[in-house]
């Protein structure tokens, strides 16, 4: 798994209904063989399945399926990763 430069993994948020904005912890799970590209954002509670890719400057707020390529803000599924066979 690779997390590139200036990527942001945000594993908490604040309760907007609480007058004191209580901190709410929501762990992130990033599977094996993933890539979170440069300056991408992964939001609280998100799970990235094995081999998922999040493109540069994308913002992921929902779970990413294993082997999927995601990009945009908000990030959406673009295509299957399609790994080459090892030689």
PDB file of N, CA and C in Angstrom:
ATOM      1  N   UNK A   1       0.846  -1.187   0.000  1.00  0.00           N
ATOM      2  CA  UNK A   1       0.000   0.000   0.000  1.00  0.00           C
ATOM      3  C   UNK A   1       0.881   1.237   0.000  1.00  0.00           C
ATOM      4  N   UNK A   2       0.493   2.233  -0.794  1.00  0.00           N
ATOM      5  CA  UNK A   2       1.240   3.487  -0.895  1.00  0.00           C
ATOM      6  C   UNK A   2       0.304   4.646  -0.588  1.00  0.00           C
ATOM      7  N   UNK A   3       0.752   5.532   0.307  1.00  0.00           N
ATOM      8  CA  UNK A   3       0.051   6.796   0.563  1.00  0.00           C
ATOM      9  C   UNK A   3       1.014   7.888   0.122  1.00  0.00           C
ATOM     10  N   UNK A   4       0.672   8.586  -0.952  1.00  0.00           N
ATOM     11  CA  UNK A   4       1.578   9.554  -1.573  1.00  0.00           C
ATOM     12  C   UNK A   4       1.616  10.892  -0.841  1.00  0.00           C
ATOM     13  N   UNK A   5       2.489  11.751  -1.331  1.00  0.00           N
ATOM     14  CA  UNK A   5       2.757  13.035  -0.694  1.00  0.00           C
ATOM     15  C   UNK A   5       1.492  13.884  -0.540  1.00  0.00           C
ATOM     16  N   UNK A   6       1.387  14.507   0.595  1.00  0.00           N
ATOM     17  CA  UNK A   6       0.310  15.442   0.968  1.00  0.00           C
ATOM     18  C   UNK A   6      -1.090  14.817   0.925  1.00  0.00           C
ATOM     19  N   UNK A   7      -1.174  13.486   0.934  1.00  0.00           N
ATOM     20  CA  UNK A   7      -2.492  12.846   1.077  1.00  0.00           C
ATOM     21  C   UNK A   7      -2.968  13.078   2.508  1.00  0.00           C
ATOM     22  N   UNK A   8      -4.274  13.139   2.698  1.00  0.00           N
ATOM     23  CA  UNK A   8      -4.846  13.426   4.020  1.00  0.00           C
ATOM     24  C   UNK A   8      -5.812  12.314   4.398  1.00  0.00           C
ATOM     25  N   UNK A   9      -5.509  11.629   5.497  1.00  0.00           N
ATOM     26  CA  UNK A   9      -6.384  10.590   6.027  1.00  0.00           C
ATOM     27  C   UNK A   9      -7.065  11.175   7.259  1.00  0.00           C
ATOM     28  N   UNK A  10      -8.342  11.458   7.148  1.00  0.00           N
ATOM     29  CA  UNK A  10      -9.090  12.149   8.205  1.00  0.00           C
ATOM     30  C   UNK A  10      -9.971  11.139   8.941  1.00  0.00           C
ATOM     31  N   UNK A  11      -9.518  10.660  10.101  1.00  0.00           N
ATOM     32  CA  UNK A  11     -10.202   9.587  10.830  1.00  0.00           C
ATOM     33  C   UNK A  11     -11.114  10.097  11.942  1.00  0.00           C
ATOM     34  N   UNK A  12     -11.528  11.340  11.862  1.00  0.00           N
ATOM     35  CA  UNK A  12     -12.468  11.873  12.852  1.00  0.00           C
ATOM     36  C   UNK A  12     -13.245  13.033  12.247  1.00  0.00           C
ATOM     37  N   UNK A  13     -14.299  13.396  12.940  1.00  0.00           N
ATOM     38  CA  UNK A  13     -15.128  14.524  12.533  1.00  0.00           C
ATOM     39  C   UNK A  13     -15.707  15.136  13.805  1.00  0.00           C
ATOM     40  N   UNK A  14     -16.609  16.064  13.673  1.00  0.00           N
ATOM     41  CA  UNK A  14     -17.253  16.684  14.832  1.00  0.00           C
ATOM     42  C   UNK A  14     -18.760  16.559  14.700  1.00  0.00           C
ATOM     43  N   UNK A  15     -19.428  16.398  15.835  1.00  0.00           N
ATOM     44  CA  UNK A  15     -20.885  16.288  15.878  1.00  0.00           C
ATOM     45  C   UNK A  15     -21.486  17.686  15.753  1.00  0.00           C
ATOM     46  N   UNK A  16     -22.087  17.989  14.600  1.00  0.00           N
ATOM     47  CA  UNK A  16     -22.627  19.334  14.373  1.00  0.00           C
ATOM     48  C   UNK A  16     -23.864  19.617  15.206  1.00  0.00           C
ATOM     49  N   UNK A  17     -24.468  18.568  15.796  1.00  0.00           N
ATOM     50  CA  UNK A  17     -25.658  18.755  16.626  1.00  0.00           C
ATOM     51  C   UNK A  17     -25.300  19.013  18.088  1.00  0.00           C
ATOM     52  N   UNK A  18     -24.045  18.839  18.438  1.00  0.00           N
ATOM     53  CA  UNK A  18     -23.551  19.079  19.793  1.00  0.00           C
ATOM     54  C   UNK A  18     -23.062  20.525  19.875  1.00  0.00           C
ATOM     55  N   UNK A  19     -23.558  21.316  20.836  1.00  0.00           N
ATOM     56  CA  UNK A  19     -23.126  22.719  20.927  1.00  0.00           C
ATOM     57  C   UNK A  19     -21.626  22.875  21.179  1.00  0.00           C
ATOM     58  N   UNK A  20     -20.960  21.788  21.632  1.00  0.00           N
ATOM     59  CA  UNK A  20     -19.515  21.840  21.883  1.00  0.00           C
ATOM     60  C   UNK A  20     -18.721  21.149  20.772  1.00  0.00           C
ATOM     61  N   UNK A  21     -19.422  20.743  19.694  1.00  0.00           N
ATOM     62  CA  UNK A  21     -18.773  20.075  18.560  1.00  0.00           C
ATOM     63  C   UNK A  21     -17.885  18.913  19.014  1.00  0.00           C
ATOM     64  N   UNK A  22     -18.457  18.012  19.809  1.00  0.00           N
ATOM     65  CA  UNK A  22     -17.728  16.847  20.317  1.00  0.00           C
ATOM     66  C   UNK A  22     -17.050  16.087  19.178  1.00  0.00           C
ATOM     67  N   UNK A  23     -15.814  15.661  19.420  1.00  0.00           N
ATOM     68  CA  UNK A  23     -15.056  14.890  18.443  1.00  0.00           C
ATOM     69  C   UNK A  23     -15.655  13.489  18.302  1.00  0.00           C
ATOM     70  N   UNK A  24     -15.798  13.029  17.060  1.00  0.00           N
ATOM     71  CA  UNK A  24     -16.319  11.696  16.765  1.00  0.00           C
ATOM     72  C   UNK A  24     -15.239  10.939  15.992  1.00  0.00           C
ATOM     73  N   UNK A  25     -14.713   9.873  16.601  1.00  0.00           N
ATOM     74  CA  UNK A  25     -13.664   9.079  15.961  1.00  0.00           C
ATOM     75  C   UNK A  25     -14.288   8.053  15.027  1.00  0.00           C
ATOM     76  N   UNK A  26     -13.805   8.006  13.779  1.00  0.00           N
ATOM     77  CA  UNK A  26     -14.310   7.059  12.771  1.00  0.00           C
ATOM     78  C   UNK A  26     -13.103   6.514  12.009  1.00  0.00           C
ATOM     79  N   UNK A  27     -12.549   5.393  12.460  1.00  0.00           N
ATOM     80  CA  UNK A  27     -11.331   4.841  11.862  1.00  0.00           C
ATOM     81  C   UNK A  27     -11.462   4.558  10.365  1.00  0.00           C
ATOM     82  N   UNK A  28     -10.346   4.692   9.690  1.00  0.00           N
ATOM     83  CA  UNK A  28     -10.225   4.410   8.255  1.00  0.00           C
ATOM     84  C   UNK A  28      -9.523   3.065   8.102  1.00  0.00           C
ATOM     85  N   UNK A  29      -9.945   2.269   7.113  1.00  0.00           N
ATOM     86  CA  UNK A  29      -9.282   1.006   6.803  1.00  0.00           C
ATOM     87  C   UNK A  29      -8.823   1.049   5.350  1.00  0.00           C
ATOM     88  N   UNK A  30      -7.521   0.839   5.143  1.00  0.00           N
ATOM     89  CA  UNK A  30      -6.964   0.802   3.791  1.00  0.00           C
ATOM     90  C   UNK A  30      -6.367  -0.584   3.590  1.00  0.00           C
ATOM     91  N   UNK A  31      -6.889  -1.317   2.616  1.00  0.00           N
ATOM     92  CA  UNK A  31      -6.463  -2.692   2.366  1.00  0.00           C
ATOM     93  C   UNK A  31      -5.068  -2.782   1.772  1.00  0.00           C
ATOM     94  N   UNK A  32      -4.628  -4.000   1.563  1.00  0.00           N
ATOM     95  CA  UNK A  32      -3.320  -4.248   0.970  1.00  0.00           C
ATOM     96  C   UNK A  32      -3.295  -3.897  -0.509  1.00  0.00           C
ATOM     97  N   UNK A  33      -2.150  -3.429  -0.981  1.00  0.00           N
ATOM     98  CA  UNK A  33      -1.978  -3.144  -2.400  1.00  0.00           C
ATOM     99  C   UNK A  33      -2.728  -1.932  -2.905  1.00  0.00           C
ATOM    100  N   UNK A  34      -3.149  -1.052  -2.001  1.00  0.00           N
ATOM    101  CA  UNK A  34      -3.869   0.173  -2.397  1.00  0.00           C
ATOM    102  C   UNK A  34      -2.885   1.291  -2.725  1.00  0.00           C
ATOM    103  N   UNK A  35      -3.406   2.307  -3.407  1.00  0.00           N
ATOM    104  CA  UNK A  35      -2.639   3.526  -3.644  1.00  0.00           C
ATOM    105  C   UNK A  35      -3.557   4.708  -3.396  1.00  0.00           C
ATOM    106  N   UNK A  36      -3.159   5.570  -2.454  1.00  0.00           N
ATOM    107  CA  UNK A  36      -3.818   6.852  -2.224  1.00  0.00           C
ATOM    108  C   UNK A  36      -2.872   7.880  -2.833  1.00  0.00           C
ATOM    109  N   UNK A  37      -3.242   8.441  -3.980  1.00  0.00           N
ATOM    110  CA  UNK A  37      -2.339   9.301  -4.748  1.00  0.00           C
ATOM    111  C   UNK A  37      -2.175  10.686  -4.108  1.00  0.00           C
ATOM    112  N   UNK A  38      -1.283  11.476  -4.687  1.00  0.00           N
ATOM    113  CA  UNK A  38      -0.901  12.778  -4.149  1.00  0.00           C
ATOM    114  C   UNK A  38      -2.101  13.683  -3.879  1.00  0.00           C
ATOM    115  N   UNK A  39      -2.103  14.280  -2.709  1.00  0.00           N
ATOM    116  CA  UNK A  39      -3.083  15.279  -2.278  1.00  0.00           C
ATOM    117  C   UNK A  39      -4.517  14.761  -2.218  1.00  0.00           C
ATOM    118  N   UNK A  40      -4.687  13.437  -2.220  1.00  0.00           N
ATOM    119  CA  UNK A  40      -6.033  12.867  -2.097  1.00  0.00           C
ATOM    120  C   UNK A  40      -6.501  12.964  -0.645  1.00  0.00           C
ATOM    121  N   UNK A  41      -7.816  12.919  -0.452  1.00  0.00           N
ATOM    122  CA  UNK A  41      -8.438  13.000   0.871  1.00  0.00           C
ATOM    123  C   UNK A  41      -9.290  11.755   1.085  1.00  0.00           C
ATOM    124  N   UNK A  42      -9.082  11.083   2.215  1.00  0.00           N
ATOM    125  CA  UNK A  42      -9.909   9.939   2.604  1.00  0.00           C
ATOM    126  C   UNK A  42     -10.662  10.341   3.866  1.00  0.00           C
ATOM    127  N   UNK A  43     -11.987  10.325   3.784  1.00  0.00           N
ATOM    128  CA  UNK A  43     -12.824  10.806   4.873  1.00  0.00           C
ATOM    129  C   UNK A  43     -13.017   9.810   5.997  1.00  0.00           C
ATOM    130  N   UNK A  44     -13.601  10.278   7.101  1.00  0.00           N
ATOM    131  CA  UNK A  44     -13.819   9.457   8.284  1.00  0.00           C
ATOM    132  C   UNK A  44     -14.650   8.209   7.993  1.00  0.00           C
ATOM    133  N   UNK A  45     -14.207   7.077   8.547  1.00  0.00           N
ATOM    134  CA  UNK A  45     -14.958   5.837   8.452  1.00  0.00           C
ATOM    135  C   UNK A  45     -14.874   5.110   7.130  1.00  0.00           C
ATOM    136  N   UNK A  46     -14.108   5.618   6.187  1.00  0.00           N
ATOM    137  CA  UNK A  46     -14.025   5.013   4.851  1.00  0.00           C
ATOM    138  C   UNK A  46     -13.193   3.730   4.894  1.00  0.00           C
ATOM    139  N   UNK A  47     -13.607   2.754   4.097  1.00  0.00           N
ATOM    140  CA  UNK A  47     -12.860   1.512   3.920  1.00  0.00           C
ATOM    141  C   UNK A  47     -12.484   1.378   2.450  1.00  0.00           C
ATOM    142  N   UNK A  48     -11.191   1.172   2.198  1.00  0.00           N
ATOM    143  CA  UNK A  48     -10.710   0.916   0.839  1.00  0.00           C
ATOM    144  C   UNK A  48     -10.363  -0.559   0.740  1.00  0.00           C
ATOM    145  N   UNK A  49     -11.031  -1.276  -0.171  1.00  0.00           N
ATOM    146  CA  UNK A  49     -10.755  -2.697  -0.369  1.00  0.00           C
ATOM    147  C   UNK A  49      -9.377  -2.920  -0.967  1.00  0.00           C
ATOM    148  N   UNK A  50      -8.874  -4.130  -0.831  1.00  0.00           N
ATOM    149  CA  UNK A  50      -7.551  -4.477  -1.360  1.00  0.00           C
ATOM    150  C   UNK A  50      -7.409  -4.051  -2.819  1.00  0.00           C
ATOM    151  N   UNK A  51      -6.277  -3.425  -3.130  1.00  0.00           N
ATOM    152  CA  UNK A  51      -5.964  -3.064  -4.509  1.00  0.00           C
ATOM    153  C   UNK A  51      -6.683  -1.847  -5.061  1.00  0.00           C
ATOM    154  N   UNK A  52      -7.470  -1.159  -4.243  1.00  0.00           N
ATOM    155  CA  UNK A  52      -8.173   0.041  -4.724  1.00  0.00           C
ATOM    156  C   UNK A  52      -7.186   1.185  -4.942  1.00  0.00           C
ATOM    157  N   UNK A  53      -7.514   2.064  -5.887  1.00  0.00           N
ATOM    158  CA  UNK A  53      -6.683   3.227  -6.205  1.00  0.00           C
ATOM    159  C   UNK A  53      -7.539   4.477  -6.104  1.00  0.00           C
ATOM    160  N   UNK A  54      -7.025   5.483  -5.394  1.00  0.00           N
ATOM    161  CA  UNK A  54      -7.681   6.790  -5.286  1.00  0.00           C
ATOM    162  C   UNK A  54      -6.789   7.805  -5.980  1.00  0.00           C
ATOM    163  N   UNK A  55      -7.296   8.429  -7.037  1.00  0.00           N
ATOM    164  CA  UNK A  55      -6.512   9.346  -7.858  1.00  0.00           C
ATOM    165  C   UNK A  55      -6.089  10.618  -7.140  1.00  0.00           C
ATOM    166  N   UNK A  56      -5.127  11.299  -7.728  1.00  0.00           N
ATOM    167  CA  UNK A  56      -4.598  12.541  -7.175  1.00  0.00           C
ATOM    168  C   UNK A  56      -5.706  13.571  -6.966  1.00  0.00           C
ATOM    169  N   UNK A  57      -5.682  14.215  -5.814  1.00  0.00           N
ATOM    170  CA  UNK A  57      -6.615  15.273  -5.414  1.00  0.00           C
ATOM    171  C   UNK A  57      -8.071  14.824  -5.311  1.00  0.00           C
ATOM    172  N   UNK A  58      -8.318  13.524  -5.343  1.00  0.00           N
ATOM    173  CA  UNK A  58      -9.683  13.011  -5.181  1.00  0.00           C
ATOM    174  C   UNK A  58     -10.094  13.108  -3.716  1.00  0.00           C
ATOM    175  N   UNK A  59     -11.395  13.111  -3.468  1.00  0.00           N
ATOM    176  CA  UNK A  59     -11.940  13.155  -2.106  1.00  0.00           C
ATOM    177  C   UNK A  59     -12.910  11.991  -1.943  1.00  0.00           C
ATOM    178  N   UNK A  60     -12.498  10.990  -1.164  1.00  0.00           N
ATOM    179  CA  UNK A  60     -13.277   9.763  -0.992  1.00  0.00           C
ATOM    180  C   UNK A  60     -14.062   9.824   0.315  1.00  0.00           C
ATOM    181  N   UNK A  61     -15.394   9.802   0.202  1.00  0.00           N
ATOM    182  CA  UNK A  61     -16.266   9.869   1.371  1.00  0.00           C
ATOM    183  C   UNK A  61     -17.054   8.584   1.582  1.00  0.00           C
ATOM    184  N   UNK A  62     -17.091   7.695   0.579  1.00  0.00           N
ATOM    185  CA  UNK A  62     -17.775   6.407   0.663  1.00  0.00           C
ATOM    186  C   UNK A  62     -16.749   5.298   0.465  1.00  0.00           C
ATOM    187  N   UNK A  63     -17.106   4.092   0.822  1.00  0.00           N
ATOM    188  CA  UNK A  63     -16.183   2.965   0.690  1.00  0.00           C
ATOM    189  C   UNK A  63     -15.795   2.722  -0.767  1.00  0.00           C
ATOM    190  N   UNK A  64     -14.564   2.236  -0.946  1.00  0.00           N
ATOM    191  CA  UNK A  64     -14.048   1.898  -2.274  1.00  0.00           C
ATOM    192  C   UNK A  64     -13.943   0.381  -2.383  1.00  0.00           C
ATOM    193  N   UNK A  65     -14.503  -0.179  -3.446  1.00  0.00           N
ATOM    194  CA  UNK A  65     -14.459  -1.624  -3.661  1.00  0.00           C
ATOM    195  C   UNK A  65     -13.043  -2.081  -3.982  1.00  0.00           C
ATOM    196  N   UNK A  66     -12.743  -3.318  -3.623  1.00  0.00           N
ATOM    197  CA  UNK A  66     -11.444  -3.907  -3.940  1.00  0.00           C
ATOM    198  C   UNK A  66     -11.197  -3.832  -5.443  1.00  0.00           C
ATOM    199  N   UNK A  67      -9.975  -3.423  -5.820  1.00  0.00           N
ATOM    200  CA  UNK A  67      -9.591  -3.396  -7.226  1.00  0.00           C
ATOM    201  C   UNK A  67     -10.216  -2.301  -8.055  1.00  0.00           C
ATOM    202  N   UNK A  68     -10.881  -1.348  -7.432  1.00  0.00           N
ATOM    203  CA  UNK A  68     -11.507  -0.257  -8.171  1.00  0.00           C
ATOM    204  C   UNK A  68     -10.616   0.968  -8.262  1.00  0.00           C
ATOM    205  N   UNK A  69     -10.790   1.740  -9.325  1.00  0.00           N
ATOM    206  CA  UNK A  69     -10.084   3.013  -9.504  1.00  0.00           C
ATOM    207  C   UNK A  69     -11.110   4.122  -9.302  1.00  0.00           C
ATOM    208  N   UNK A  70     -10.798   5.067  -8.409  1.00  0.00           N
ATOM    209  CA  UNK A  70     -11.701   6.151  -8.038  1.00  0.00           C
ATOM    210  C   UNK A  70     -11.012   7.489  -8.248  1.00  0.00           C
ATOM    211  N   UNK A  71     -11.788   8.486  -8.683  1.00  0.00           N
ATOM    212  CA  UNK A  71     -11.236   9.835  -8.829  1.00  0.00           C
ATOM    213  C   UNK A  71     -12.366  10.842  -8.738  1.00  0.00           C
ATOM    214  N   UNK A  72     -11.981  12.121  -8.604  1.00  0.00           N
ATOM    215  CA  UNK A  72     -12.954  13.209  -8.551  1.00  0.00           C
ATOM    216  C   UNK A  72     -13.269  13.652  -7.137  1.00  0.00           C
ATOM    217  N   UNK A  73     -14.110  14.697  -7.061  1.00  0.00           N
ATOM    218  CA  UNK A  73     -14.555  15.238  -5.777  1.00  0.00           C
ATOM    219  C   UNK A  73     -16.039  15.550  -5.870  1.00  0.00           C
ATOM    220  N   UNK A  74     -16.880  14.683  -5.301  1.00  0.00           N
ATOM    221  CA  UNK A  74     -16.505  13.481  -4.552  1.00  0.00           C
ATOM    222  C   UNK A  74     -16.031  12.370  -5.489  1.00  0.00           C
ATOM    223  N   UNK A  75     -15.172  11.515  -4.963  1.00  0.00           N
ATOM    224  CA  UNK A  75     -14.633  10.416  -5.767  1.00  0.00           C
ATOM    225  C   UNK A  75     -15.731   9.433  -6.137  1.00  0.00           C
ATOM    226  N   UNK A  76     -15.681   8.978  -7.385  1.00  0.00           N
ATOM    227  CA  UNK A  76     -16.609   7.955  -7.861  1.00  0.00           C
ATOM    228  C   UNK A  76     -15.808   6.853  -8.548  1.00  0.00           C
ATOM    229  N   UNK A  77     -16.421   5.676  -8.644  1.00  0.00           N
ATOM    230  CA  UNK A  77     -15.801   4.547  -9.326  1.00  0.00           C
ATOM    231  C   UNK A  77     -15.661   4.881 -10.805  1.00  0.00           C
ATOM    232  N   UNK A  78     -14.469   4.678 -11.344  1.00  0.00           N
ATOM    233  CA  UNK A  78     -14.222   4.943 -12.766  1.00  0.00           C
ATOM    234  C   UNK A  78     -14.092   3.665 -13.581  1.00  0.00           C
ATOM    235  N   UNK A  79     -13.345   2.687 -13.047  1.00  0.00           N
ATOM    236  CA  UNK A  79     -13.113   1.443 -13.786  1.00  0.00           C
ATOM    237  C   UNK A  79     -12.423   0.446 -12.864  1.00  0.00           C
ATOM    238  N   UNK A  80     -12.412  -0.839 -13.267  1.00  0.00           N
ATOM    239  CA  UNK A  80     -11.617  -1.809 -12.515  1.00  0.00           C
ATOM    240  C   UNK A  80     -10.130  -1.543 -12.759  1.00  0.00           C
ATOM    241  N   UNK A  81      -9.316  -1.836 -11.782  1.00  0.00           N
ATOM    242  CA  UNK A  81      -7.883  -1.571 -11.888  1.00  0.00           C
ATOM    243  C   UNK A  81      -7.225  -2.377 -13.004  1.00  0.00           C
ATOM    244  N   UNK A  82      -7.564  -3.629 -13.178  1.00  0.00           N
ATOM    245  CA  UNK A  82      -7.010  -4.428 -14.271  1.00  0.00           C
ATOM    246  C   UNK A  82      -5.511  -4.620 -14.188  1.00  0.00           C
ATOM    247  N   UNK A  83      -5.043  -5.334 -13.173  1.00  0.00           N
ATOM    248  CA  UNK A  83      -3.608  -5.569 -13.001  1.00  0.00           C
ATOM    249  C   UNK A  83      -3.045  -6.439 -14.118  1.00  0.00           C
ATOM    250  N   UNK A  84      -1.818  -6.124 -14.550  1.00  0.00           N
ATOM    251  CA  UNK A  84      -1.111  -6.962 -15.521  1.00  0.00           C
ATOM    252  C   UNK A  84      -0.624  -8.226 -14.818  1.00  0.00           C
ATOM    253  N   UNK A  85      -0.532  -9.300 -15.549  1.00  0.00           N
ATOM    254  CA  UNK A  85       0.016 -10.541 -15.000  1.00  0.00           C
ATOM    255  C   UNK A  85       1.510 -10.361 -14.755  1.00  0.00           C
ATOM    256  N   UNK A  86       2.000 -10.933 -13.663  1.00  0.00           N
ATOM    257  CA  UNK A  86       3.436 -10.856 -13.376  1.00  0.00           C
ATOM    258  C   UNK A  86       4.199 -11.747 -14.336  1.00  0.00           C
ATOM    259  N   UNK A  87       5.385 -11.282 -14.738  1.00  0.00           N
ATOM    260  CA  UNK A  87       6.217 -12.048 -15.672  1.00  0.00           C
ATOM    261  C   UNK A  87       7.316 -12.738 -14.908  1.00  0.00           C
TER     262      UNK A  87
END
